[in-house]
Amino acid sequence: MNNSIYFILILIAGISCSEPYESPNLSDVYDSLSEQRQFYYNVEFSIHKNDETSFSSLYGMVSLNRNSDSGISSGYFGLTQKALPNYLHSMYLGNEWIHDLSSNEFDLRDADILTDSLHSPILINPELLFKIEADSVKITQQKINDTTIKWTFDLEQKRDQLVLIWDQSSHKISELEYKYDVNTENSYSRKWSFQYLAKLEYNSLENGYKNQNIIAQQAFL
């Protein structure tokens, strides 16, 4: 048999035997998030106006330990990537939160907003995914590469849209963006970008930030 024909037959056989791509569904994403109890990550939260560059940003390094309806988190954060001089320690049970804040830039009254910015509602409560699904008039899924999936939810209310980037290799959200009044002059968005850390890496970095915060060195409650 001609060598080139033999090679083509082998190539075709390999393609036909390869496993077909199976796109994840929303239940897969929910199950993965629900099963994970500990998260260590760097986060950039930003607000964008009319799809332009961000005009407001918050940077943080966060540890989140959670159960189905309760959890505890520690977050070092700041207005630039170079310095994270602020510290927020929080505990929650259901919808009840207790916060401890060390900051010269923010007030304890800002704690709820800071919590939302450092975690995102979905990372705290994955069940929100099903509410978003129920409130959507259209859901699209796009394969960005072999490990990354982009979900877009067009919501019923106004012209809002949620974009979720899912990393299949780590089974984690790498990016979330909630867009308000899409395609209007008043459009703006809130965006979370996550970079996950190993526990040892987080602990090593935390030692440097702890020295900046007296509260971070004390027991909570």
C-alpha atoms as a PDB file:
ATOM      1  CA  MET A   1       0.000   0.000   0.000  1.00  0.00           C
ATOM      2  CA  ASN A   2       1.240   3.495  -0.792  1.00  0.00           C
ATOM      3  CA  ASN A   3       2.725   5.079   2.353  1.00  0.00           C
ATOM      4  CA  SER A   4       0.820   8.355   1.940  1.00  0.00           C
ATOM      5  CA  ILE A   5      -2.542   6.537   1.598  1.00  0.00           C
ATOM      6  CA  TYR A   6      -1.689   4.399   4.649  1.00  0.00           C
ATOM      7  CA  PHE A   7      -0.964   7.553   6.661  1.00  0.00           C
ATOM      8  CA  ILE A   8      -4.275   9.139   5.628  1.00  0.00           C
ATOM      9  CA  LEU A   9      -6.188   6.001   6.662  1.00  0.00           C
ATOM     10  CA  ILE A  10      -4.530   6.045  10.085  1.00  0.00           C
ATOM     11  CA  LEU A  11      -5.363   9.759  10.473  1.00  0.00           C
ATOM     12  CA  ILE A  12      -9.027   9.214   9.561  1.00  0.00           C
ATOM     13  CA  ALA A  13      -9.273   6.282  11.960  1.00  0.00           C
ATOM     14  CA  GLY A  14      -7.809   8.396  14.759  1.00  0.00           C
ATOM     15  CA  ILE A  15     -10.300  11.193  14.128  1.00  0.00           C
ATOM     16  CA  SER A  16     -13.271   8.825  14.022  1.00  0.00           C
ATOM     17  CA  CYS A  17     -12.234   7.208  17.305  1.00  0.00           C
ATOM     18  CA  SER A  18     -11.676  10.461  19.176  1.00  0.00           C
ATOM     19  CA  GLU A  19     -14.243  11.396  21.742  1.00  0.00           C
ATOM     20  CA  PRO A  20     -16.774  14.014  20.636  1.00  0.00           C
ATOM     21  CA  TYR A  21     -16.777  17.348  22.447  1.00  0.00           C
ATOM     22  CA  GLU A  22     -19.366  17.464  25.198  1.00  0.00           C
ATOM     23  CA  SER A  23     -20.373  20.964  26.181  1.00  0.00           C
ATOM     24  CA  PRO A  24     -21.108  21.434  29.887  1.00  0.00           C
ATOM     25  CA  ASN A  25     -24.570  22.448  31.010  1.00  0.00           C
ATOM     26  CA  LEU A  26     -25.423  24.836  33.798  1.00  0.00           C
ATOM     27  CA  SER A  27     -25.980  21.978  36.254  1.00  0.00           C
ATOM     28  CA  ASP A  28     -22.345  20.908  35.749  1.00  0.00           C
ATOM     29  CA  VAL A  29     -21.179  24.407  36.633  1.00  0.00           C
ATOM     30  CA  TYR A  30     -23.450  24.546  39.683  1.00  0.00           C
ATOM     31  CA  ASP A  31     -22.354  21.097  40.903  1.00  0.00           C
ATOM     32  CA  SER A  32     -18.677  21.995  40.591  1.00  0.00           C
ATOM     33  CA  LEU A  33     -19.086  25.279  42.468  1.00  0.00           C
ATOM     34  CA  SER A  34     -21.254  23.703  45.170  1.00  0.00           C
ATOM     35  CA  GLU A  35     -18.786  20.883  45.835  1.00  0.00           C
ATOM     36  CA  GLN A  36     -15.870  23.289  46.336  1.00  0.00           C
ATOM     37  CA  ARG A  37     -15.571  24.532  49.904  1.00  0.00           C
ATOM     38  CA  GLN A  38     -12.351  26.538  49.839  1.00  0.00           C
ATOM     39  CA  PHE A  39     -11.235  29.263  47.451  1.00  0.00           C
ATOM     40  CA  TYR A  40      -7.994  31.228  47.424  1.00  0.00           C
ATOM     41  CA  TYR A  41      -7.693  33.853  44.733  1.00  0.00           C
ATOM     42  CA  ASN A  42      -6.663  37.263  43.492  1.00  0.00           C
ATOM     43  CA  VAL A  43      -9.568  39.310  42.202  1.00  0.00           C
ATOM     44  CA  GLU A  44      -9.908  42.480  40.171  1.00  0.00           C
ATOM     45  CA  PHE A  45     -13.313  44.129  40.385  1.00  0.00           C
ATOM     46  CA  SER A  46     -13.977  46.922  37.913  1.00  0.00           C
ATOM     47  CA  ILE A  47     -16.815  49.117  36.722  1.00  0.00           C
ATOM     48  CA  HIS A  48     -16.969  49.943  33.024  1.00  0.00           C
ATOM     49  CA  LYS A  49     -18.983  52.624  31.242  1.00  0.00           C
ATOM     50  CA  ASN A  50     -20.237  51.964  27.690  1.00  0.00           C
ATOM     51  CA  ASP A  51     -17.725  49.142  27.110  1.00  0.00           C
ATOM     52  CA  GLU A  52     -14.834  51.550  27.618  1.00  0.00           C
ATOM     53  CA  THR A  53     -11.873  51.057  29.900  1.00  0.00           C
ATOM     54  CA  SER A  54     -12.707  50.787  33.583  1.00  0.00           C
ATOM     55  CA  PHE A  55     -13.162  53.998  35.529  1.00  0.00           C
ATOM     56  CA  SER A  56     -13.183  52.314  38.948  1.00  0.00           C
ATOM     57  CA  SER A  57     -11.261  49.273  40.164  1.00  0.00           C
ATOM     58  CA  LEU A  58     -10.677  47.328  43.362  1.00  0.00           C
ATOM     59  CA  TYR A  59      -7.975  44.685  43.778  1.00  0.00           C
ATOM     60  CA  GLY A  60      -7.947  41.973  46.405  1.00  0.00           C
ATOM     61  CA  MET A  61      -6.528  38.697  47.651  1.00  0.00           C
ATOM     62  CA  VAL A  62      -9.229  36.566  49.244  1.00  0.00           C
ATOM     63  CA  SER A  63      -9.672  33.369  51.222  1.00  0.00           C
ATOM     64  CA  LEU A  64     -13.223  32.000  51.211  1.00  0.00           C
ATOM     65  CA  ASN A  65     -14.338  28.941  53.184  1.00  0.00           C
ATOM     66  CA  ARG A  66     -18.021  28.129  52.818  1.00  0.00           C
ATOM     67  CA  ASN A  67     -20.757  25.575  53.353  1.00  0.00           C
ATOM     68  CA  SER A  68     -24.165  25.503  51.699  1.00  0.00           C
ATOM     69  CA  ASP A  69     -25.549  28.422  53.737  1.00  0.00           C
ATOM     70  CA  SER A  70     -22.642  29.759  55.788  1.00  0.00           C
ATOM     71  CA  GLY A  71     -19.038  30.755  55.435  1.00  0.00           C
ATOM     72  CA  ILE A  72     -16.095  32.891  56.486  1.00  0.00           C
ATOM     73  CA  SER A  73     -13.796  35.005  54.361  1.00  0.00           C
ATOM     74  CA  SER A  74     -10.680  37.150  54.683  1.00  0.00           C
ATOM     75  CA  GLY A  75      -9.827  39.750  52.089  1.00  0.00           C
ATOM     76  CA  TYR A  76      -6.845  42.072  51.700  1.00  0.00           C
ATOM     77  CA  PHE A  77      -7.655  44.786  49.190  1.00  0.00           C
ATOM     78  CA  GLY A  78      -6.750  48.171  47.772  1.00  0.00           C
ATOM     79  CA  LEU A  79      -7.339  50.609  44.937  1.00  0.00           C
ATOM     80  CA  THR A  80      -4.146  49.566  43.115  1.00  0.00           C
ATOM     81  CA  GLN A  81      -2.475  46.219  42.467  1.00  0.00           C
ATOM     82  CA  LYS A  82       0.726  47.366  44.145  1.00  0.00           C
ATOM     83  CA  ALA A  83      -0.713  47.795  47.642  1.00  0.00           C
ATOM     84  CA  LEU A  84      -3.471  46.016  49.556  1.00  0.00           C
ATOM     85  CA  PRO A  85      -3.523  47.996  52.838  1.00  0.00           C
ATOM     86  CA  ASN A  86      -7.162  47.255  53.738  1.00  0.00           C
ATOM     87  CA  TYR A  87      -8.529  44.138  55.403  1.00  0.00           C
ATOM     88  CA  LEU A  88     -12.087  42.758  55.606  1.00  0.00           C
ATOM     89  CA  HIS A  89     -12.966  39.713  57.719  1.00  0.00           C
ATOM     90  CA  SER A  90     -16.528  38.429  57.367  1.00  0.00           C
ATOM     91  CA  MET A  91     -18.772  35.640  58.600  1.00  0.00           C
ATOM     92  CA  TYR A  92     -22.234  34.824  57.286  1.00  0.00           C
ATOM     93  CA  LEU A  93     -25.133  32.504  58.005  1.00  0.00           C
ATOM     94  CA  GLY A  94     -27.910  32.632  55.441  1.00  0.00           C
ATOM     95  CA  ASN A  95     -28.370  36.312  54.637  1.00  0.00           C
ATOM     96  CA  GLU A  96     -26.922  37.553  57.935  1.00  0.00           C
ATOM     97  CA  TRP A  97     -23.382  38.946  57.794  1.00  0.00           C
ATOM     98  CA  ILE A  98     -20.903  40.088  60.450  1.00  0.00           C
ATOM     99  CA  HIS A  99     -17.965  42.203  59.267  1.00  0.00           C
ATOM    100  CA  ASP A 100     -14.705  43.396  60.767  1.00  0.00           C
ATOM    101  CA  LEU A 101     -12.919  46.065  58.733  1.00  0.00           C
ATOM    102  CA  SER A 102      -9.449  47.579  59.001  1.00  0.00           C
ATOM    103  CA  SER A 103      -9.135  50.525  56.613  1.00  0.00           C
ATOM    104  CA  ASN A 104      -8.214  54.201  56.324  1.00  0.00           C
ATOM    105  CA  GLU A 105      -9.974  54.412  52.949  1.00  0.00           C
ATOM    106  CA  PHE A 106     -13.314  52.695  53.578  1.00  0.00           C
ATOM    107  CA  ASP A 107     -15.980  52.746  56.275  1.00  0.00           C
ATOM    108  CA  LEU A 108     -17.709  49.755  57.843  1.00  0.00           C
ATOM    109  CA  ARG A 109     -20.882  50.965  56.134  1.00  0.00           C
ATOM    110  CA  ASP A 110     -19.180  49.989  52.870  1.00  0.00           C
ATOM    111  CA  ALA A 111     -18.755  46.361  54.015  1.00  0.00           C
ATOM    112  CA  ASP A 112     -21.656  44.925  51.988  1.00  0.00           C
ATOM    113  CA  ILE A 113     -20.445  46.609  48.796  1.00  0.00           C
ATOM    114  CA  LEU A 114     -16.874  45.494  49.471  1.00  0.00           C
ATOM    115  CA  THR A 115     -18.048  41.912  50.079  1.00  0.00           C
ATOM    116  CA  ASP A 116     -19.888  41.890  46.761  1.00  0.00           C
ATOM    117  CA  SER A 117     -16.836  43.343  45.001  1.00  0.00           C
ATOM    118  CA  LEU A 118     -14.343  40.871  46.481  1.00  0.00           C
ATOM    119  CA  HIS A 119     -16.417  37.710  45.975  1.00  0.00           C
ATOM    120  CA  SER A 120     -19.280  38.208  43.491  1.00  0.00           C
ATOM    121  CA  PRO A 121     -22.773  36.989  44.482  1.00  0.00           C
ATOM    122  CA  ILE A 122     -22.467  33.746  42.478  1.00  0.00           C
ATOM    123  CA  LEU A 123     -19.274  32.627  44.212  1.00  0.00           C
ATOM    124  CA  ILE A 124     -21.034  33.088  47.552  1.00  0.00           C
ATOM    125  CA  ASN A 125     -24.293  31.489  46.402  1.00  0.00           C
ATOM    126  CA  PRO A 126     -24.086  29.240  43.281  1.00  0.00           C
ATOM    127  CA  GLU A 127     -27.867  28.702  43.378  1.00  0.00           C
ATOM    128  CA  LEU A 128     -28.213  32.157  41.832  1.00  0.00           C
ATOM    129  CA  LEU A 129     -27.236  30.486  38.560  1.00  0.00           C
ATOM    130  CA  PHE A 130     -30.618  28.780  38.362  1.00  0.00           C
ATOM    131  CA  LYS A 131     -32.450  32.042  39.088  1.00  0.00           C
ATOM    132  CA  ILE A 132     -30.469  33.704  36.309  1.00  0.00           C
ATOM    133  CA  GLU A 133     -31.321  30.828  33.995  1.00  0.00           C
ATOM    134  CA  ALA A 134     -35.047  31.168  34.834  1.00  0.00           C
ATOM    135  CA  ASP A 135     -34.942  34.933  34.275  1.00  0.00           C
ATOM    136  CA  SER A 136     -33.193  34.649  30.892  1.00  0.00           C
ATOM    137  CA  VAL A 137     -34.935  34.998  27.555  1.00  0.00           C
ATOM    138  CA  LYS A 138     -31.877  33.687  25.716  1.00  0.00           C
ATOM    139  CA  ILE A 139     -28.807  31.701  26.749  1.00  0.00           C
ATOM    140  CA  THR A 140     -25.845  31.177  24.444  1.00  0.00           C
ATOM    141  CA  GLN A 141     -22.697  29.129  24.943  1.00  0.00           C
ATOM    142  CA  GLN A 142     -19.410  29.620  23.120  1.00  0.00           C
ATOM    143  CA  LYS A 143     -16.313  27.456  23.224  1.00  0.00           C
ATOM    144  CA  ILE A 144     -13.358  29.855  23.440  1.00  0.00           C
ATOM    145  CA  ASN A 145     -10.693  27.128  23.538  1.00  0.00           C
ATOM    146  CA  ASP A 146     -10.264  23.541  24.734  1.00  0.00           C
ATOM    147  CA  THR A 147     -10.684  24.489  28.394  1.00  0.00           C
ATOM    148  CA  THR A 148     -12.722  27.705  28.377  1.00  0.00           C
ATOM    149  CA  ILE A 149     -16.461  28.170  27.901  1.00  0.00           C
ATOM    150  CA  LYS A 150     -18.320  31.482  27.657  1.00  0.00           C
ATOM    151  CA  TRP A 151     -21.952  31.672  28.774  1.00  0.00           C
ATOM    152  CA  THR A 152     -24.107  34.687  27.917  1.00  0.00           C
ATOM    153  CA  PHE A 153     -27.477  35.197  29.618  1.00  0.00           C
ATOM    154  CA  ASP A 154     -29.852  37.761  28.135  1.00  0.00           C
ATOM    155  CA  LEU A 155     -32.123  38.683  31.019  1.00  0.00           C
ATOM    156  CA  GLU A 156     -35.781  39.689  30.939  1.00  0.00           C
ATOM    157  CA  GLN A 157     -35.377  42.747  33.107  1.00  0.00           C
ATOM    158  CA  LYS A 158     -34.538  45.845  31.088  1.00  0.00           C
ATOM    159  CA  ARG A 159     -31.661  45.033  28.740  1.00  0.00           C
ATOM    160  CA  ASP A 160     -29.343  43.409  31.247  1.00  0.00           C
ATOM    161  CA  GLN A 161     -26.893  40.648  30.418  1.00  0.00           C
ATOM    162  CA  LEU A 162     -24.628  38.326  32.404  1.00  0.00           C
ATOM    163  CA  VAL A 163     -21.434  36.915  30.910  1.00  0.00           C
ATOM    164  CA  LEU A 164     -19.731  33.994  32.681  1.00  0.00           C
ATOM    165  CA  ILE A 165     -16.350  32.565  31.658  1.00  0.00           C
ATOM    166  CA  TRP A 166     -15.874  28.996  32.903  1.00  0.00           C
ATOM    167  CA  ASP A 167     -12.525  27.220  33.113  1.00  0.00           C
ATOM    168  CA  GLN A 168     -13.198  23.506  32.654  1.00  0.00           C
ATOM    169  CA  SER A 169      -9.688  22.456  33.677  1.00  0.00           C
ATOM    170  CA  SER A 170      -9.955  24.024  37.155  1.00  0.00           C
ATOM    171  CA  HIS A 171     -13.769  23.853  37.366  1.00  0.00           C
ATOM    172  CA  LYS A 172     -13.861  27.495  38.415  1.00  0.00           C
ATOM    173  CA  ILE A 173     -15.213  30.829  37.223  1.00  0.00           C
ATOM    174  CA  SER A 174     -12.433  32.891  35.708  1.00  0.00           C
ATOM    175  CA  GLU A 175     -14.545  35.926  34.834  1.00  0.00           C
ATOM    176  CA  LEU A 176     -17.999  37.354  35.499  1.00  0.00           C
ATOM    177  CA  GLU A 177     -19.521  40.492  34.017  1.00  0.00           C
ATOM    178  CA  TYR A 178     -22.978  41.897  34.688  1.00  0.00           C
ATOM    179  CA  LYS A 179     -24.009  44.417  32.030  1.00  0.00           C
ATOM    180  CA  TYR A 180     -26.789  46.925  32.606  1.00  0.00           C
ATOM    181  CA  ASP A 181     -28.891  48.600  29.877  1.00  0.00           C
ATOM    182  CA  VAL A 182     -26.917  46.947  27.069  1.00  0.00           C
ATOM    183  CA  ASN A 183     -26.691  48.924  23.806  1.00  0.00           C
ATOM    184  CA  THR A 184     -27.963  52.143  25.360  1.00  0.00           C
ATOM    185  CA  GLU A 185     -26.270  55.410  26.266  1.00  0.00           C
ATOM    186  CA  ASN A 186     -26.617  54.508  29.934  1.00  0.00           C
ATOM    187  CA  SER A 187     -24.938  51.106  29.671  1.00  0.00           C
ATOM    188  CA  TYR A 188     -22.341  50.120  32.245  1.00  0.00           C
ATOM    189  CA  SER A 189     -21.067  46.885  33.739  1.00  0.00           C
ATOM    190  CA  ARG A 190     -19.558  45.350  36.865  1.00  0.00           C
ATOM    191  CA  LYS A 191     -16.790  42.842  36.175  1.00  0.00           C
ATOM    192  CA  TRP A 192     -14.931  40.309  38.320  1.00  0.00           C
ATOM    193  CA  SER A 193     -11.698  38.658  37.118  1.00  0.00           C
ATOM    194  CA  PHE A 194     -10.357  35.790  39.233  1.00  0.00           C
ATOM    195  CA  GLN A 195      -6.869  34.289  39.438  1.00  0.00           C
ATOM    196  CA  TYR A 196      -6.872  31.261  41.750  1.00  0.00           C
ATOM    197  CA  LEU A 197      -4.054  30.437  44.137  1.00  0.00           C
ATOM    198  CA  ALA A 198      -2.864  27.293  45.872  1.00  0.00           C
ATOM    199  CA  LYS A 199      -3.299  27.388  49.654  1.00  0.00           C
ATOM    200  CA  LEU A 200       0.457  27.446  50.280  1.00  0.00           C
ATOM    201  CA  GLU A 201       0.863  30.318  47.836  1.00  0.00           C
ATOM    202  CA  TYR A 202      -1.939  32.242  49.541  1.00  0.00           C
ATOM    203  CA  ASN A 203      -0.445  31.655  53.005  1.00  0.00           C
ATOM    204  CA  SER A 204       2.942  32.872  51.841  1.00  0.00           C
ATOM    205  CA  LEU A 205       1.520  36.088  50.388  1.00  0.00           C
ATOM    206  CA  GLU A 206      -0.732  36.621  53.407  1.00  0.00           C
ATOM    207  CA  ASN A 207       2.238  36.802  55.773  1.00  0.00           C
ATOM    208  CA  GLY A 208       3.323  39.993  54.049  1.00  0.00           C
ATOM    209  CA  TYR A 209      -0.115  41.638  54.180  1.00  0.00           C
ATOM    210  CA  LYS A 210      -0.804  40.712  57.805  1.00  0.00           C
ATOM    211  CA  ASN A 211       1.897  43.081  59.012  1.00  0.00           C
ATOM    212  CA  GLN A 212      -0.099  45.975  57.560  1.00  0.00           C
ATOM    213  CA  ASN A 213      -3.246  45.225  59.565  1.00  0.00           C
ATOM    214  CA  ILE A 214      -3.612  44.893  63.338  1.00  0.00           C
ATOM    215  CA  ILE A 215      -7.053  43.309  62.950  1.00  0.00           C
ATOM    216  CA  ALA A 216      -5.663  40.663  60.586  1.00  0.00           C
ATOM    217  CA  GLN A 217      -3.382  39.464  63.381  1.00  0.00           C
ATOM    218  CA  GLN A 218      -6.230  39.081  65.878  1.00  0.00           C
ATOM    219  CA  ALA A 219      -8.826  36.336  66.362  1.00  0.00           C
ATOM    220  CA  PHE A 220     -12.231  37.145  64.874  1.00  0.00           C
ATOM    221  CA  LEU A 221     -15.029  37.511  67.501  1.00  0.00           C
END
